[in-house]
Each structure stands twice: as structure tokens, then as C-alpha cells.
Amino acid sequence: SDDQYVYCMACANHRIYVAKRRQESSTLA
């Protein structure tokens, strides 16, 4: 259903966001 698709996209975007945050924090550390 569309709900599952939207949830999947949100989950993927969140994982990308977390990965970027981790990269930034590791470079600043």
C-alpha cells in the first residue's frame, strides 16, 4: 500500500540522515 511505501522512504531518509550526522561528528572529533 502507499502507507508502506511512504514509511519505507521515511526510514531510508532517516538512515541517510543518521549516516551523514555520524560522518560529520567523526570528522569534527
PDB file of N, CA and C in Angstrom:
ATOM      1  N   SER A   1       0.834  -1.214   0.000  1.00  0.00           N
ATOM      2  CA  SER A   1       0.000   0.000   0.000  1.00  0.00           C
ATOM      3  C   SER A   1       0.866   1.259   0.000  1.00  0.00           C
ATOM      4  N   ASP A   2       0.271   2.405  -0.225  1.00  0.00           N
ATOM      5  CA  ASP A   2       1.026   3.655  -0.244  1.00  0.00           C
ATOM      6  C   ASP A   2       1.638   3.943   1.121  1.00  0.00           C
ATOM      7  N   ASP A   3       0.918   3.588   2.178  1.00  0.00           N
ATOM      8  CA  ASP A   3       1.435   3.845   3.524  1.00  0.00           C
ATOM      9  C   ASP A   3       2.768   3.138   3.733  1.00  0.00           C
ATOM     10  N   GLN A   4       2.862   1.901   3.278  1.00  0.00           N
ATOM     11  CA  GLN A   4       4.114   1.161   3.442  1.00  0.00           C
ATOM     12  C   GLN A   4       5.223   1.830   2.642  1.00  0.00           C
ATOM     13  N   TYR A   5       4.907   2.309   1.444  1.00  0.00           N
ATOM     14  CA  TYR A   5       5.914   2.956   0.601  1.00  0.00           C
ATOM     15  C   TYR A   5       6.430   4.222   1.263  1.00  0.00           C
ATOM     16  N   VAL A   6       5.513   5.033   1.795  1.00  0.00           N
ATOM     17  CA  VAL A   6       5.908   6.285   2.442  1.00  0.00           C
ATOM     18  C   VAL A   6       6.765   5.984   3.661  1.00  0.00           C
ATOM     19  N   TYR A   7       6.382   4.978   4.423  1.00  0.00           N
ATOM     20  CA  TYR A   7       7.151   4.614   5.616  1.00  0.00           C
ATOM     21  C   TYR A   7       8.559   4.167   5.214  1.00  0.00           C
ATOM     22  N   CYS A   8       8.655   3.407   4.147  1.00  0.00           N
ATOM     23  CA  CYS A   8       9.954   2.923   3.688  1.00  0.00           C
ATOM     24  C   CYS A   8      10.847   4.093   3.295  1.00  0.00           C
ATOM     25  N   MET A   9      10.262   5.079   2.578  1.00  0.00           N
ATOM     26  CA  MET A   9      11.034   6.246   2.157  1.00  0.00           C
ATOM     27  C   MET A   9      11.498   7.025   3.375  1.00  0.00           C
ATOM     28  N   ALA A  10      10.624   7.200   4.359  1.00  0.00           N
ATOM     29  CA  ALA A  10      10.987   7.943   5.563  1.00  0.00           C
ATOM     30  C   ALA A  10      12.104   7.218   6.300  1.00  0.00           C
ATOM     31  N   CYS A  11      12.020   5.887   6.344  1.00  0.00           N
ATOM     32  CA  CYS A  11      13.044   5.107   7.036  1.00  0.00           C
ATOM     33  C   CYS A  11      14.381   5.264   6.317  1.00  0.00           C
ATOM     34  N   ALA A  12      14.364   5.216   4.991  1.00  0.00           N
ATOM     35  CA  ALA A  12      15.598   5.349   4.223  1.00  0.00           C
ATOM     36  C   ALA A  12      16.197   6.737   4.430  1.00  0.00           C
ATOM     37  N   ASN A  13      15.350   7.769   4.396  1.00  0.00           N
ATOM     38  CA  ASN A  13      15.842   9.131   4.594  1.00  0.00           C
ATOM     39  C   ASN A  13      16.438   9.280   5.982  1.00  0.00           C
ATOM     40  N   HIS A  14      15.829   8.670   6.985  1.00  0.00           N
ATOM     41  CA  HIS A  14      16.333   8.757   8.356  1.00  0.00           C
ATOM     42  C   HIS A  14      17.701   8.098   8.452  1.00  0.00           C
ATOM     43  N   ARG A  15      17.868   6.935   7.809  1.00  0.00           N
ATOM     44  CA  ARG A  15      19.150   6.230   7.869  1.00  0.00           C
ATOM     45  C   ARG A  15      20.224   7.056   7.189  1.00  0.00           C
ATOM     46  N   ILE A  16      19.874   7.716   6.059  1.00  0.00           N
ATOM     47  CA  ILE A  16      20.839   8.573   5.368  1.00  0.00           C
ATOM     48  C   ILE A  16      21.211   9.750   6.257  1.00  0.00           C
ATOM     49  N   TYR A  17      20.216  10.320   6.938  1.00  0.00           N
ATOM     50  CA  TYR A  17      20.453  11.458   7.832  1.00  0.00           C
ATOM     51  C   TYR A  17      21.388  11.053   8.967  1.00  0.00           C
ATOM     52  N   VAL A  18      21.139   9.892   9.553  1.00  0.00           N
ATOM     53  CA  VAL A  18      21.990   9.418  10.654  1.00  0.00           C
ATOM     54  C   VAL A  18      23.414   9.181  10.153  1.00  0.00           C
ATOM     55  N   ALA A  19      23.541   8.601   8.967  1.00  0.00           N
ATOM     56  CA  ALA A  19      24.870   8.324   8.425  1.00  0.00           C
ATOM     57  C   ALA A  19      25.634   9.623   8.211  1.00  0.00           C
ATOM     58  N   LYS A  20      24.954  10.649   7.700  1.00  0.00           N
ATOM     59  CA  LYS A  20      25.607  11.941   7.476  1.00  0.00           C
ATOM     60  C   LYS A  20      26.016  12.565   8.800  1.00  0.00           C
ATOM     61  N   ARG A  21      25.149  12.486   9.794  1.00  0.00           N
ATOM     62  CA  ARG A  21      25.467  13.049  11.110  1.00  0.00           C
ATOM     63  C   ARG A  21      26.695  12.351  11.693  1.00  0.00           C
ATOM     64  N   ARG A  22      26.772  11.029  11.535  1.00  0.00           N
ATOM     65  CA  ARG A  22      27.909  10.280  12.066  1.00  0.00           C
ATOM     66  C   ARG A  22      29.185  10.692  11.351  1.00  0.00           C
ATOM     67  N   GLN A  23      29.125  10.899  10.039  1.00  0.00           N
ATOM     68  CA  GLN A  23      30.310  11.311   9.290  1.00  0.00           C
ATOM     69  C   GLN A  23      30.774  12.680   9.758  1.00  0.00           C
ATOM     70  N   GLU A  24      29.827  13.603   9.955  1.00  0.00           N
ATOM     71  CA  GLU A  24      30.186  14.957  10.387  1.00  0.00           C
ATOM     72  C   GLU A  24      30.818  14.923  11.775  1.00  0.00           C
ATOM     73  N   SER A  25      30.221  14.179  12.694  1.00  0.00           N
ATOM     74  CA  SER A  25      30.735  14.130  14.062  1.00  0.00           C
ATOM     75  C   SER A  25      32.110  13.465  14.085  1.00  0.00           C
ATOM     76  N   SER A  26      32.322  12.476  13.237  1.00  0.00           N
ATOM     77  CA  SER A  26      33.606  11.781  13.243  1.00  0.00           C
ATOM     78  C   SER A  26      34.699  12.695  12.692  1.00  0.00           C
ATOM     79  N   THR A  27      34.360  13.553  11.728  1.00  0.00           N
ATOM     80  CA  THR A  27      35.359  14.451  11.159  1.00  0.00           C
ATOM     81  C   THR A  27      35.649  15.598  12.117  1.00  0.00           C
ATOM     82  N   LEU A  28      34.633  15.991  12.910  1.00  0.00           N
ATOM     83  CA  LEU A  28      34.838  17.086  13.860  1.00  0.00           C
ATOM     84  C   LEU A  28      35.606  16.601  15.087  1.00  0.00           C
ATOM     85  N   ALA A  29      35.450  15.328  15.431  1.00  0.00           N
ATOM     86  CA  ALA A  29      36.080  14.802  16.640  1.00  0.00           C
ATOM     87  C   ALA A  29      37.605  14.827  16.497  1.00  0.00           C
TER      88      ALA A  29
END
